[in-house]
Protein backbone atom coordinates (compact mmCIF):
# COMPACT_ATOMS: atom_id res chain seq x y z
CA MET A 1 10.27 14.66 -76.16
CA TYR A 2 6.92 15.06 -74.48
CA HIS A 3 6.22 12.40 -71.73
CA ASN A 4 2.47 12.73 -72.08
CA LEU A 5 1.66 13.52 -75.75
CA ALA A 6 -2.09 12.82 -75.47
CA ASP A 7 -2.43 15.56 -72.76
CA LEU A 8 -0.34 17.89 -74.90
CA GLU A 9 -2.59 17.45 -77.94
CA VAL A 10 -5.72 18.17 -75.99
CA LEU A 11 -4.02 21.17 -74.56
CA LEU A 12 -3.04 22.50 -78.06
CA LYS A 13 -6.72 22.02 -79.21
CA ILE A 14 -8.01 24.01 -76.27
CA LEU A 15 -5.44 26.89 -76.83
CA ASP A 16 -6.35 26.95 -80.46
CA SER A 17 -9.99 27.51 -79.71
CA GLN A 18 -9.45 29.93 -76.83
CA GLY A 19 -6.37 31.91 -77.73
CA PHE A 20 -4.90 32.45 -74.21
CA ILE A 21 -1.72 31.59 -72.42
CA HIS A 22 -1.80 28.39 -70.29
CA ASN A 23 0.86 27.07 -68.05
CA TYR A 24 1.10 23.14 -67.99
CA GLU A 25 3.39 20.97 -65.95
CA LEU A 26 5.18 18.40 -68.00
CA GLN A 27 7.57 15.65 -67.43
CA LEU A 28 10.24 16.05 -70.32
CA LYS A 29 12.73 13.75 -71.44
CA ARG A 30 16.41 14.83 -71.84
CA ALA A 31 18.71 13.74 -74.63
CA ASP A 32 20.39 11.35 -72.18
CA GLY A 33 17.26 9.62 -71.60
CA THR A 34 16.47 11.02 -68.13
CA TYR A 35 13.30 12.85 -67.14
CA PHE A 36 12.73 16.12 -65.55
CA TRP A 37 9.75 18.42 -64.50
CA ALA A 38 9.13 21.67 -66.25
CA ILE A 39 6.36 24.18 -66.85
CA ALA A 40 5.35 24.81 -70.47
CA SER A 41 3.95 28.26 -71.08
CA LEU A 42 1.98 28.11 -74.17
CA GLN A 43 0.50 31.02 -76.28
CA TYR A 44 -1.54 31.07 -79.31
CA LEU A 45 -0.37 33.68 -81.87
CA SER A 46 -2.13 34.75 -85.05
CA PHE A 47 -0.79 37.25 -87.67
CA ASN A 48 -1.03 37.60 -91.49
CA ASN A 49 -3.48 34.86 -91.59
CA GLU A 50 -0.77 32.69 -90.03
CA SER A 51 -1.00 31.06 -86.71
CA ALA A 52 1.66 29.73 -84.28
CA ILE A 53 2.05 28.45 -80.76
CA LEU A 54 4.83 30.23 -78.74
CA THR A 55 6.21 27.72 -76.05
CA VAL A 56 8.41 28.73 -73.20
CA PHE A 57 9.75 25.99 -70.75
CA TYR A 58 10.63 26.64 -67.16
CA ASP A 59 12.69 23.99 -65.22
CA ILE A 60 10.92 23.24 -61.91
CA ASN A 61 12.65 19.86 -61.21
CA ASP A 62 14.17 21.10 -57.88
CA ARG A 63 10.84 22.38 -56.63
CA LYS A 64 9.04 19.33 -57.72
CA ASN A 65 11.59 17.15 -55.88
CA ALA A 66 11.20 19.17 -52.71
CA GLU A 67 7.38 18.94 -52.88
CA THR A 68 7.70 15.18 -53.30
CA GLN A 69 10.04 14.93 -50.34
CA LEU A 70 7.87 17.05 -48.16
CA GLN A 71 4.75 14.89 -49.11
CA GLU A 72 6.70 11.73 -48.17
CA GLN A 73 7.66 13.29 -44.86
CA ASN A 74 4.04 14.12 -44.22
CA ASP A 75 2.94 10.72 -45.15
CA PHE A 76 5.63 9.18 -42.93
CA LEU A 77 4.53 11.39 -39.90
CA GLN A 78 0.93 10.61 -40.49
CA ARG A 79 1.79 6.74 -40.48
CA ILE A 80 3.71 7.25 -37.14
CA PHE A 81 0.61 9.13 -35.59
CA GLU A 82 -1.70 6.55 -36.79
CA SER A 83 0.37 3.76 -35.13
CA ILE A 84 0.81 5.59 -31.75
CA PRO A 85 -1.59 4.08 -29.20
CA LEU A 86 -2.80 7.54 -28.10
CA MET A 87 -5.48 9.79 -29.36
CA ILE A 88 -4.11 12.61 -31.36
CA ALA A 89 -6.07 15.66 -32.78
CA LEU A 90 -5.15 18.91 -34.48
CA ILE A 91 -7.10 21.82 -33.67
CA ASP A 92 -6.73 25.29 -35.20
CA ALA A 93 -6.71 28.81 -33.38
CA ASN A 94 -10.46 28.99 -33.81
CA GLY A 95 -11.11 25.59 -32.25
CA LYS A 96 -12.00 23.92 -35.57
CA LEU A 97 -10.82 20.22 -35.85
CA GLN A 98 -8.21 19.82 -38.61
CA TRP A 99 -7.17 16.18 -38.21
CA VAL A 100 -7.51 13.24 -36.04
CA ASN A 101 -5.79 9.75 -35.97
CA GLN A 102 -7.63 6.43 -36.11
CA GLU A 103 -7.15 5.90 -32.29
CA TRP A 104 -9.10 9.05 -31.65
CA GLU A 105 -11.83 7.76 -33.69
CA ASN A 106 -11.82 4.25 -32.40
CA ILE A 107 -11.92 5.28 -28.74
CA LEU A 108 -14.48 8.23 -28.88
CA GLY A 109 -16.61 6.68 -31.63
CA TRP A 110 -16.71 10.01 -33.59
CA LYS A 111 -15.44 10.40 -37.20
CA PHE A 112 -13.41 13.28 -38.49
CA GLN A 113 -16.18 13.97 -40.98
CA ASP A 114 -18.62 14.62 -38.06
CA PHE A 115 -17.00 17.97 -37.40
CA GLN A 116 -16.78 19.53 -40.73
CA THR A 117 -19.56 21.94 -39.75
CA ARG A 118 -19.67 21.16 -36.00
CA ASP A 119 -17.78 22.35 -32.93
CA VAL A 120 -15.72 19.48 -31.62
CA LEU A 121 -15.49 20.79 -28.04
CA GLU A 122 -19.18 21.23 -27.81
CA ALA A 123 -19.79 17.72 -28.89
CA LEU A 124 -17.16 16.26 -26.51
CA TYR A 125 -18.16 18.44 -23.57
CA PRO A 126 -21.86 19.59 -23.96
CA ASP A 127 -21.99 21.28 -20.60
CA SER A 128 -20.87 24.76 -21.16
CA GLU A 129 -19.33 25.26 -17.83
CA TYR A 130 -17.45 22.12 -17.98
CA ARG A 131 -16.32 22.84 -21.60
CA GLN A 132 -15.05 26.11 -20.50
CA TYR A 133 -13.01 24.50 -17.87
CA VAL A 134 -11.48 22.23 -20.77
CA ILE A 135 -10.77 25.35 -22.77
CA ASN A 136 -9.04 27.09 -19.95
CA PHE A 137 -6.84 23.91 -19.48
CA MET A 138 -5.94 23.99 -23.16
CA GLN A 139 -5.12 27.66 -23.08
CA SER A 140 -3.01 27.46 -20.09
CA ALA A 141 -0.24 25.94 -22.23
CA GLN A 142 1.08 23.81 -19.37
CA ARG A 143 2.66 20.60 -20.41
CA ILE A 144 0.83 18.44 -17.85
CA TRP A 145 -1.82 15.79 -17.97
CA GLY A 146 -5.42 16.65 -17.05
CA ASP A 147 -8.32 14.01 -16.38
CA PHE A 148 -11.63 14.79 -17.98
CA LYS A 149 -15.00 13.20 -18.52
CA THR A 150 -15.39 13.06 -22.45
CA GLN A 151 -18.70 12.21 -24.05
CA VAL A 152 -18.42 9.67 -26.74
CA ARG A 153 -20.68 9.48 -29.71
CA ASP A 154 -23.25 7.05 -28.21
CA GLY A 155 -23.86 9.47 -25.39
CA GLY A 156 -21.73 7.74 -22.72
CA LEU A 157 -19.07 9.31 -20.66
CA LEU A 158 -15.56 8.16 -20.82
CA ASP A 159 -12.55 8.72 -18.42
CA THR A 160 -9.77 10.31 -20.46
CA SER A 161 -6.59 12.18 -19.81
CA TRP A 162 -5.19 14.89 -22.14
CA THR A 163 -2.17 17.19 -22.59
CA ASN A 164 -1.62 19.85 -25.25
CA VAL A 165 1.30 21.02 -27.48
CA TYR A 166 1.01 24.52 -28.86
CA LEU A 167 2.46 25.04 -32.40
CA SER A 168 4.07 28.27 -33.73
CA ASN A 169 1.02 28.80 -35.99
CA SER A 170 -1.36 28.79 -32.88
CA GLN A 171 -2.58 25.43 -33.64
CA ILE A 172 -2.92 22.76 -30.95
CA ILE A 173 -2.08 19.23 -30.86
CA GLY A 174 -4.14 17.35 -28.32
CA ILE A 175 -2.87 14.08 -27.07
CA GLY A 176 -5.15 11.84 -25.02
CA GLN A 177 -5.52 8.34 -23.69
CA ASP A 178 -8.48 6.21 -22.26
CA ILE A 179 -7.95 5.89 -18.52
CA THR A 180 -11.08 4.03 -17.78
CA GLU A 181 -9.27 0.96 -16.38
CA ARG A 182 -7.00 3.24 -14.23
CA LYS A 183 -9.91 5.09 -12.74
CA ARG A 184 -11.68 1.83 -12.12
CA SER A 185 -8.53 0.57 -10.37
CA GLU A 186 -8.18 3.81 -8.35
CA GLN A 187 -11.74 3.60 -7.29
CA ALA A 188 -11.39 0.02 -6.34
CA LEU A 189 -8.33 0.77 -4.27
CA LYS A 190 -10.09 3.79 -2.76
CA ALA A 191 -13.10 1.63 -1.97
CA GLN A 192 -10.88 -1.12 -0.37
CA ALA A 193 -9.04 1.44 1.71
CA GLU A 194 -12.26 2.86 2.93
CA ARG A 195 -13.53 -0.65 3.83
CA GLU A 196 -10.23 -1.41 5.63
CA GLN A 197 -10.46 1.84 7.51
CA LEU A 198 -14.03 1.05 8.58
CA MET A 199 -13.04 -2.35 9.68
CA ARG A 200 -10.12 -0.81 11.74
CA THR A 201 -12.43 1.80 13.19
CA VAL A 202 -15.09 -0.76 14.33
CA ALA A 203 -12.32 -3.09 15.69
CA GLN A 204 -10.80 -0.16 17.52
CA ARG A 205 -14.04 0.78 19.09
CA ILE A 206 -14.64 -2.87 20.22
CA ARG A 207 -11.18 -2.85 21.80
CA GLN A 208 -11.74 0.48 23.51
CA SER A 209 -15.16 -0.06 24.71
CA LEU A 210 -17.54 -2.85 26.00
CA ASN A 211 -20.61 -0.62 25.46
CA LEU A 212 -22.53 -2.42 22.83
CA HIS A 213 -24.90 0.50 22.20
CA GLU A 214 -22.02 2.79 21.30
CA ILE A 215 -20.44 0.19 19.07
CA LEU A 216 -23.65 -0.51 17.20
CA ASN A 217 -24.37 3.19 16.67
CA ALA A 218 -20.95 3.84 15.33
CA THR A 219 -21.14 0.99 13.08
CA VAL A 220 -24.35 1.95 11.27
CA GLU A 221 -23.19 5.56 10.97
CA GLU A 222 -19.96 4.49 9.31
CA VAL A 223 -21.67 2.01 7.07
CA ARG A 224 -24.27 4.52 5.85
CA ASP A 225 -21.54 7.06 5.08
CA LEU A 226 -19.37 4.54 3.23
CA LEU A 227 -22.12 2.89 1.16
CA GLY A 228 -23.99 6.04 0.49
CA VAL A 229 -27.25 4.58 1.46
CA ASN A 230 -30.33 6.16 3.00
CA ARG A 231 -30.53 3.94 6.09
CA VAL A 232 -28.55 1.40 7.94
CA VAL A 233 -30.08 -0.60 10.96
CA VAL A 234 -29.29 -3.35 13.30
CA TYR A 235 -32.34 -5.56 13.88
CA GLN A 236 -32.24 -7.81 16.95
CA LEU A 237 -34.21 -10.97 17.14
CA ASP A 238 -35.97 -12.16 20.45
CA SER A 239 -36.83 -15.51 21.67
CA GLU A 240 -40.25 -15.37 20.01
CA MET A 241 -38.56 -14.71 16.71
CA SER A 242 -39.92 -11.05 16.51
CA GLY A 243 -37.51 -8.22 16.79
CA THR A 244 -36.43 -4.68 17.51
CA ILE A 245 -34.44 -2.06 15.75
CA VAL A 246 -31.82 -1.41 18.28
CA ALA A 247 -29.42 0.90 16.20
CA GLU A 248 -30.05 3.13 13.18
CA SER A 249 -28.40 5.82 11.08
CA VAL A 250 -30.94 7.35 8.77
CA GLU A 251 -30.73 10.29 6.26
CA ARG A 252 -32.79 13.25 6.99
CA GLY A 253 -36.20 13.06 5.37
CA TRP A 254 -36.71 9.37 5.69
CA THR A 255 -38.85 7.46 8.25
CA VAL A 256 -37.07 6.86 11.59
CA SER A 257 -37.37 3.26 12.63
CA LEU A 258 -35.14 3.19 15.81
CA ASN A 259 -36.66 1.17 18.64
CA VAL A 260 -39.53 0.11 16.47
CA GLN A 261 -40.71 -3.47 17.38
CA ILE A 262 -41.47 -5.66 14.40
CA HIS A 263 -43.89 -8.56 15.01
CA HIS A 264 -43.66 -10.29 11.57
CA THR A 265 -44.31 -13.82 10.64
CA TYR A 266 -41.50 -14.07 8.32
CA PHE A 267 -39.10 -15.71 10.87
CA GLN A 268 -41.85 -17.31 12.94
CA ALA A 269 -42.98 -19.32 9.81
CA GLY A 270 -39.36 -20.37 9.20
CA ALA A 271 -38.97 -18.45 5.92
CA GLY A 272 -35.83 -16.82 7.21
CA VAL A 273 -34.06 -20.28 7.74
CA GLU A 274 -31.36 -19.22 5.12
CA TYR A 275 -30.19 -16.55 7.53
CA TYR A 276 -29.61 -19.11 10.13
CA GLN A 277 -27.29 -20.77 7.60
CA GLY A 278 -25.29 -17.52 7.11
CA ARG A 279 -26.87 -16.65 3.78
CA LYS A 280 -26.51 -12.92 2.88
CA ARG A 281 -28.87 -11.28 0.53
CA ALA A 282 -28.72 -8.35 -1.97
CA ILE A 283 -32.11 -7.10 -3.27
CA ALA A 284 -31.91 -4.57 -6.17
CA ASN A 285 -35.77 -4.26 -6.34
CA ILE A 286 -38.07 -5.49 -3.62
CA TYR A 287 -40.79 -6.08 -6.18
CA GLU A 288 -38.62 -8.48 -8.34
CA ALA A 289 -37.03 -10.40 -5.58
CA GLY A 290 -39.80 -13.03 -4.97
CA LEU A 291 -40.77 -11.63 -1.46
CA THR A 292 -44.01 -12.35 0.02
CA ASP A 293 -46.73 -9.53 -0.12
CA CYS A 294 -46.65 -9.20 3.70
CA HIS A 295 -42.83 -8.79 3.50
CA ILE A 296 -43.15 -6.24 0.71
CA ARG A 297 -45.73 -4.25 2.74
CA LEU A 298 -43.46 -4.23 5.78
CA LEU A 299 -40.54 -2.72 3.65
CA GLU A 300 -42.86 -0.22 2.19
CA GLN A 301 -43.63 1.00 5.61
CA PHE A 302 -39.96 2.21 5.86
CA GLU A 303 -39.91 3.27 2.11
CA VAL A 304 -37.39 0.65 1.31
CA LYS A 305 -36.86 -0.11 -2.44
CA ALA A 306 -33.62 -2.15 -2.28
CA ASN A 307 -31.54 -3.52 0.48
CA LEU A 308 -28.67 -5.58 1.71
CA VAL A 309 -29.24 -8.00 4.54
CA VAL A 310 -26.57 -9.94 6.42
CA PRO A 311 -27.18 -12.12 9.58
CA ILE A 312 -25.30 -11.57 12.81
CA LEU A 313 -24.41 -15.10 13.91
CA LEU A 314 -23.00 -15.91 17.48
CA GLU A 315 -21.21 -19.10 18.29
CA VAL A 316 -23.21 -21.06 20.87
CA ASN A 317 -20.08 -22.31 22.79
CA SER A 318 -16.83 -24.05 22.13
CA GLN A 319 -18.34 -27.49 23.38
CA ASN A 320 -21.28 -27.25 21.03
CA PRO A 321 -20.28 -26.07 17.70
CA GLY A 322 -23.02 -24.08 15.97
CA SER A 323 -24.47 -20.72 15.43
CA HIS A 324 -27.22 -18.63 16.87
CA LEU A 325 -28.96 -16.00 15.00
CA TRP A 326 -28.72 -12.89 17.10
CA GLY A 327 -30.02 -10.30 14.40
CA LEU A 328 -29.48 -8.73 11.06
CA LEU A 329 -27.35 -5.87 9.75
CA ILE A 330 -29.34 -4.24 6.99
CA ALA A 331 -28.64 -1.40 4.57
CA HIS A 332 -31.76 0.27 3.09
CA GLN A 333 -31.89 2.20 -0.23
CA CYS A 334 -35.18 4.29 -0.18
CA SER A 335 -34.67 6.87 -2.97
CA ASP A 336 -34.46 4.40 -5.81
CA PHE A 337 -33.89 0.86 -6.85
CA ARG A 338 -30.12 -0.05 -6.77
CA GLU A 339 -27.73 -2.64 -8.18
CA TRP A 340 -25.41 -3.70 -5.46
CA GLU A 341 -21.67 -4.60 -5.82
CA GLU A 342 -20.40 -7.82 -4.45
CA ASN A 343 -17.77 -6.13 -2.26
CA GLN A 344 -20.51 -4.20 -0.52
CA LEU A 345 -22.19 -7.38 0.66
CA ASP A 346 -18.80 -8.68 1.71
CA LEU A 347 -18.15 -5.52 3.70
CA LEU A 348 -21.33 -6.02 5.74
CA ASP A 349 -20.43 -9.79 6.14
CA HIS A 350 -16.85 -8.86 7.53
CA LEU A 351 -18.53 -6.30 9.81
CA THR A 352 -21.02 -8.78 11.28
CA VAL A 353 -18.01 -10.84 12.50
CA GLN A 354 -16.82 -7.84 14.35
CA LEU A 355 -20.27 -7.14 15.76
CA ALA A 356 -20.53 -10.71 16.92
CA ILE A 357 -17.29 -10.25 18.87
CA ALA A 358 -18.61 -6.97 20.26
CA ILE A 359 -21.96 -8.63 21.32
CA GLN A 360 -20.30 -11.53 22.99
CA GLN A 361 -17.87 -9.24 24.78
CA SER A 362 -20.79 -7.17 25.97
CA SER A 363 -22.59 -10.32 27.00
CA ILE A 364 -19.54 -11.34 29.10
CA LEU A 365 -19.56 -7.95 30.79
CA GLU A 366 -23.25 -8.09 31.67
CA GLN A 367 -22.82 -11.59 33.12
CA ALA A 368 -19.82 -10.25 35.17
CA GLN A 369 -21.63 -7.21 36.42
CA ALA A 370 -24.83 -9.42 37.33
CA GLU A 371 -22.71 -12.00 39.15
CA LEU A 372 -20.22 -9.91 41.14
CA VAL A 373 -19.63 -12.69 43.72
CA GLN A 374 -18.70 -15.23 41.12
CA ARG A 375 -16.52 -12.70 39.49
CA GLN A 376 -14.67 -12.12 42.77
CA LYS A 377 -14.19 -15.86 43.12
CA ALA A 378 -12.90 -15.92 39.48
CA GLN A 379 -10.54 -13.21 40.36
CA VAL A 380 -9.17 -15.16 43.36
CA LYS A 381 -8.66 -18.18 41.17
CA LEU A 382 -7.04 -16.17 38.66
CA LYS A 383 -4.57 -14.80 41.05
CA ALA A 384 -3.90 -18.11 42.25
CA ALA A 385 -3.36 -19.32 38.81
CA LEU A 386 -1.01 -16.39 38.18
CA ALA A 387 0.89 -17.16 41.35
CA GLU A 388 1.10 -20.76 40.35
CA LYS A 389 2.35 -19.64 36.98
CA GLU A 390 5.01 -17.46 38.49
CA VAL A 391 6.26 -20.26 40.67
CA LEU A 392 6.24 -22.52 37.63
CA LEU A 393 8.19 -19.99 35.57
CA LYS A 394 10.78 -19.51 38.33
CA GLU A 395 11.15 -23.33 38.60
CA VAL A 396 11.68 -23.28 34.63
CA HIS A 397 14.38 -20.57 34.96
CA HIS A 398 15.99 -22.44 37.92
CA ARG A 399 15.98 -25.67 35.86
CA VAL A 400 17.52 -23.94 32.85
CA LYS A 401 20.05 -22.33 35.10
CA ASN A 402 21.12 -25.62 36.50
CA ASN A 403 21.19 -27.30 33.13
CA LEU A 404 23.47 -24.55 31.90
CA GLN A 405 25.66 -25.02 34.88
CA ILE A 406 25.85 -28.76 34.11
CA VAL A 407 27.00 -27.96 30.50
CA SER A 408 29.60 -25.42 31.98
CA SER A 409 30.79 -28.12 34.31
CA LEU A 410 31.14 -30.57 31.49
CA LEU A 411 33.19 -28.11 29.47
CA GLN A 412 35.33 -27.61 32.53
CA LEU A 413 35.94 -31.39 32.98
CA GLN A 414 36.57 -31.68 29.15
CA SER A 415 39.20 -28.88 29.42
CA GLN A 416 41.04 -30.76 32.16
CA THR A 417 41.56 -33.79 29.84
CA LEU A 418 43.19 -31.55 27.09
CA LYS A 419 46.74 -30.41 26.58
CA ASP A 420 46.33 -28.22 23.62
CA PRO A 421 46.34 -24.57 25.00
CA GLU A 422 44.23 -23.46 22.07
CA ALA A 423 41.56 -26.08 22.64
CA ILE A 424 41.40 -25.27 26.40
CA LYS A 425 41.06 -21.61 25.51
CA VAL A 426 38.13 -22.35 23.16
CA LEU A 427 36.40 -24.41 25.83
CA ARG A 428 36.98 -21.64 28.43
CA GLU A 429 35.37 -19.07 26.15
CA SER A 430 32.39 -21.21 25.48
CA GLN A 431 32.08 -21.78 29.25
CA ASN A 432 32.09 -18.11 29.88
CA ARG A 433 29.29 -17.61 27.33
CA ILE A 434 27.28 -20.27 29.02
CA GLU A 435 27.79 -18.57 32.38
CA SER A 436 26.64 -15.19 30.99
CA ILE A 437 23.31 -16.85 30.08
CA SER A 438 23.11 -18.83 33.16
CA LEU A 439 23.29 -15.60 35.24
CA ILE A 440 20.26 -14.33 33.45
CA HIS A 441 18.08 -17.31 34.51
CA LYS A 442 19.48 -17.01 38.06
CA ASN A 443 18.41 -13.32 38.25
CA LEU A 444 15.08 -14.27 36.89
CA TYR A 445 14.15 -16.89 39.45
CA THR A 446 15.61 -15.02 42.34
CA SER A 447 13.93 -11.75 41.44
CA ALA A 448 10.60 -10.56 43.10
CA ASP A 449 9.44 -9.82 39.55
CA ILE A 450 10.24 -12.51 36.99
CA GLY A 451 9.61 -10.14 34.16
CA GLN A 452 12.47 -7.80 35.20
CA ILE A 453 16.22 -8.21 35.39
CA ASN A 454 18.44 -6.06 37.51
CA VAL A 455 20.95 -4.94 34.81
CA ALA A 456 23.36 -3.23 37.19
CA GLU A 457 23.78 -6.32 39.41
CA TYR A 458 23.86 -8.66 36.43
CA ILE A 459 26.71 -6.92 34.79
CA GLN A 460 28.71 -6.51 38.03
CA ASN A 461 28.42 -10.31 38.66
CA LEU A 462 29.30 -11.10 34.99
CA ALA A 463 32.26 -8.94 34.93
CA ALA A 464 33.57 -10.25 38.33
CA SER A 465 33.01 -13.81 37.01
CA LEU A 466 35.17 -12.97 33.96
CA LEU A 467 37.96 -11.54 36.10
CA ILE A 468 38.04 -14.73 38.13
CA SER A 469 37.95 -16.89 34.97
CA TYR A 470 41.07 -15.24 33.56
CA GLN A 471 42.70 -15.37 37.02
CA LEU A 472 43.08 -11.54 37.24
CA TRP A 473 42.92 -9.45 40.39
CA PRO A 474 41.43 -6.04 40.90
CA GLU A 475 44.87 -4.56 41.74
CA LYS A 476 45.86 -5.26 38.21
CA ILE A 477 42.73 -4.64 36.15
CA SER A 478 40.07 -2.47 37.72
CA LEU A 479 36.47 -2.39 36.66
CA GLU A 480 34.46 0.77 36.63
CA THR A 481 30.75 0.92 35.82
CA ASP A 482 28.14 3.60 35.19
CA ILE A 483 24.80 1.93 34.76
CA SER A 484 21.54 3.61 34.84
CA PRO A 485 18.60 1.88 36.62
CA LEU A 486 16.72 0.15 33.74
CA SER A 487 15.35 -3.17 32.93
CA LEU A 488 15.53 -5.44 29.93
CA ASN A 489 13.41 -8.17 28.59
CA VAL A 490 14.96 -11.64 28.57
CA ASP A 491 16.06 -11.73 24.92
CA GLN A 492 17.84 -8.32 25.10
CA ALA A 493 19.37 -9.19 28.42
CA ILE A 494 20.95 -12.37 26.97
CA ALA A 495 22.22 -10.59 23.88
CA CYS A 496 23.69 -7.81 26.00
CA GLY A 497 25.30 -10.22 28.41
CA LEU A 498 27.01 -12.13 25.53
CA VAL A 499 28.18 -8.85 23.98
CA ILE A 500 29.69 -7.75 27.33
CA ASN A 501 31.17 -11.22 27.86
CA GLU A 502 32.90 -11.14 24.42
CA LEU A 503 34.26 -7.63 24.65
CA ILE A 504 35.44 -7.89 28.28
CA SER A 505 37.00 -11.11 27.58
CA ASN A 506 38.76 -9.71 24.48
CA ALA A 507 40.13 -6.87 26.58
CA LEU A 508 41.40 -9.17 29.30
CA LYS A 509 43.08 -11.40 26.75
CA HIS A 510 44.72 -8.80 24.52
CA ALA A 511 44.45 -5.16 25.90
CA PHE A 512 46.89 -5.48 28.71
CA PRO A 513 49.96 -7.67 27.76
CA ASN A 514 52.75 -8.35 30.22
CA GLN A 515 50.70 -7.86 33.41
CA GLN A 516 50.05 -4.27 32.45
CA GLU A 517 47.65 -2.50 34.71
CA GLY A 518 44.49 -0.87 33.29
CA THR A 519 40.88 -0.15 33.57
CA ILE A 520 37.73 -1.44 31.87
CA THR A 521 34.65 0.71 31.95
CA ILE A 522 31.08 -0.26 31.31
CA ILE A 523 28.45 2.49 30.67
CA LEU A 524 24.82 1.78 30.22
CA HIS A 525 22.23 4.68 29.83
CA ASN A 526 18.75 5.08 28.58
CA ILE A 527 18.43 7.75 26.09
CA GLY A 528 14.74 8.28 25.20
CA ASN A 529 13.65 4.95 23.87
CA LYS A 530 17.21 4.00 22.99
CA ILE A 531 19.79 2.28 25.10
CA GLU A 532 23.47 3.26 24.74
CA LEU A 533 26.06 0.54 25.89
CA ILE A 534 29.77 1.62 25.97
CA ILE A 535 32.56 -0.77 26.77
CA GLN A 536 36.07 0.76 26.75
CA ASP A 537 39.50 0.03 27.95
CA ASN A 538 42.84 2.03 28.08
CA GLY A 539 44.88 -0.84 26.79
CA ILE A 540 47.04 -1.13 23.76
CA GLY A 541 43.93 -1.03 21.41
CA LEU A 542 43.17 -3.04 18.35
CA PRO A 543 45.64 -2.96 15.44
CA ASP A 544 44.93 -0.27 12.96
CA ASN A 545 44.78 -2.71 9.97
CA LEU A 546 42.17 -4.92 11.65
CA ASP A 547 38.83 -5.00 10.16
CA TRP A 548 36.82 -6.23 13.23
CA ARG A 549 33.62 -6.79 11.15
CA ASN A 550 35.36 -9.18 8.82
CA THR A 551 37.65 -11.12 11.01
CA GLU A 552 38.07 -14.81 11.87
CA SER A 553 37.71 -13.97 15.48
CA LEU A 554 34.53 -15.80 16.72
CA GLY A 555 34.04 -13.26 19.58
CA LEU A 556 33.98 -10.20 17.48
CA SER A 557 31.95 -11.83 14.76
CA LEU A 558 29.46 -12.81 17.52
CA VAL A 559 29.36 -9.27 18.93
CA HIS A 560 28.51 -7.90 15.31
CA ASP A 561 25.74 -10.47 14.76
CA LEU A 562 24.21 -9.87 18.18
CA VAL A 563 24.15 -6.19 17.98
CA THR A 564 22.83 -5.91 14.34
CA GLU A 565 20.46 -8.89 14.20
CA GLN A 566 19.51 -9.83 17.81
CA LEU A 567 19.34 -6.24 19.16
CA GLU A 568 18.66 -4.72 15.80
CA GLY A 569 21.11 -1.83 16.79
CA ASN A 570 24.40 -0.31 15.52
CA ILE A 571 27.84 -0.37 16.88
CA ILE A 572 30.78 2.10 16.47
CA LEU A 573 34.45 1.36 17.15
CA GLU A 574 36.87 4.11 18.38
CA ARG A 575 40.66 3.41 18.71
CA ASN A 576 41.55 6.53 20.74
CA HIS A 577 43.83 5.73 23.78
CA GLY A 578 42.56 2.16 23.92
CA THR A 579 39.51 0.64 22.52
CA ILE A 580 35.91 1.98 22.80
CA PHE A 581 32.81 0.03 21.46
CA LYS A 582 29.65 2.17 21.38
CA ILE A 583 26.46 0.27 20.96
CA GLU A 584 22.97 1.69 20.47
CA PHE A 585 19.63 -0.18 20.27
CA THR A 586 15.97 0.43 20.87
CA GLN A 587 14.59 -0.77 24.34
CA LEU A 588 11.69 -3.19 23.87
CA THR A 589 8.90 -4.04 26.24
CA LEU A 590 9.52 -6.42 29.10
CA HIS A 591 7.21 -9.19 27.95
């Protein structure tokens, strides 16, 4: 009946020698061959020189099964926690570490056994003030992620992010992840954004000012702030290969070098030839960079321990390709030696290109100021060239207009050879479209300013031309206009002309059947930086079932494409008492 007879025999011997009650868990076998768990309560009895053992069995099979099931669930949950790629730690209400998963140990380097007698938070966050900040975050019970600097076992700091889950028994489950790569990416993006901002700032100053002194001073100030160095200077070389510090931004407490003239044999002896070739240099330690003794002594005068050096090269001229070494852009680290990053050297390299542009622009300005007479002559020549260009442009517009007229005439001749009314209609519509474009070029070469188009005059001429084309007279169809004085560039004027051509043609063909009298109205207003164009008629209107955006009509399809794509605007159709097309688009500059 006993599942483990050897254990039972040992138990009986113990009881026999000690004489006390003992409870023992046994797995017993039923008559049907199945097993169950029970507690055997054994008592040693002695009376009348007789001895006996009283045995009482208690069935605990249900409890044992529940314990087994609970253990299996715990094992299952533990396997899940071990497989999750996150750090998981269980801490009791007193801050003692109860359990961690393998990921926690792998990332932080600590072992669970390290904290049997040690405070885990004190080890991970040794600074008491910072540790209190972590504790406050944990006790806030907010289900948010917080970023922290966590100390790993080897003493290094790791970027981590944690969130906490409070349990009903006051225990805390901490869930964390290593965010080192994310932080590195964020810092790289931030550095890139700062570099781009610096480039934009310098480029903007160059565009706004030709004062080289202001540009150089602003550049060294911005670079020192961005790189976090002690000093940034611009060193200009002269014809004798000596030089002067012409711009400087220096942190308080370090030697000022602005306007210091440096007579050094480094360049005179040809040792700086690599800078002529565009070489840039990052020196982490001046004593380990292979510099000459005199060069080291020079740097020691200005307390330099590490530096970045990038040449400022100017193009000689377009006829003789080559570069002239104007000077150097230098960043000094004086407080300590420093390992530089590649992107920091690249930043200075990009900046020297901007500085070269500023230097060349400033040089041009100085030459212009010194040679005022030649400048005035150049202005006269420039005006003559502009006048010649204007004449040439007018001639181009005139020729384009003539060519369009030729095309229109060819279409007219072609229509006279056709008998199919539909084909004649198509040619006439094409002819009208060409005429609308031709009018633009006519206005351009007849206008005093070839960059402006008299919109009111153009629309009046276009509408009158359409009335004549369809052989209608003012007494039948009247044209009303309300056009504000504004100008359009060529592209927008052509697009508007084609839109007006299509919508007026459509109204003349379909809105007034059986020689019905009516009115076509064109309204053009400037509303802020938007232009509103309204073309309406009081005719019979478009059919209610007509989807004008999806129709086989070439004219309406052309209107939709011109407004949405060419003008980048929108169009609204209203069918009240006729037809109203409301078009709105942004006014662009004339050129």
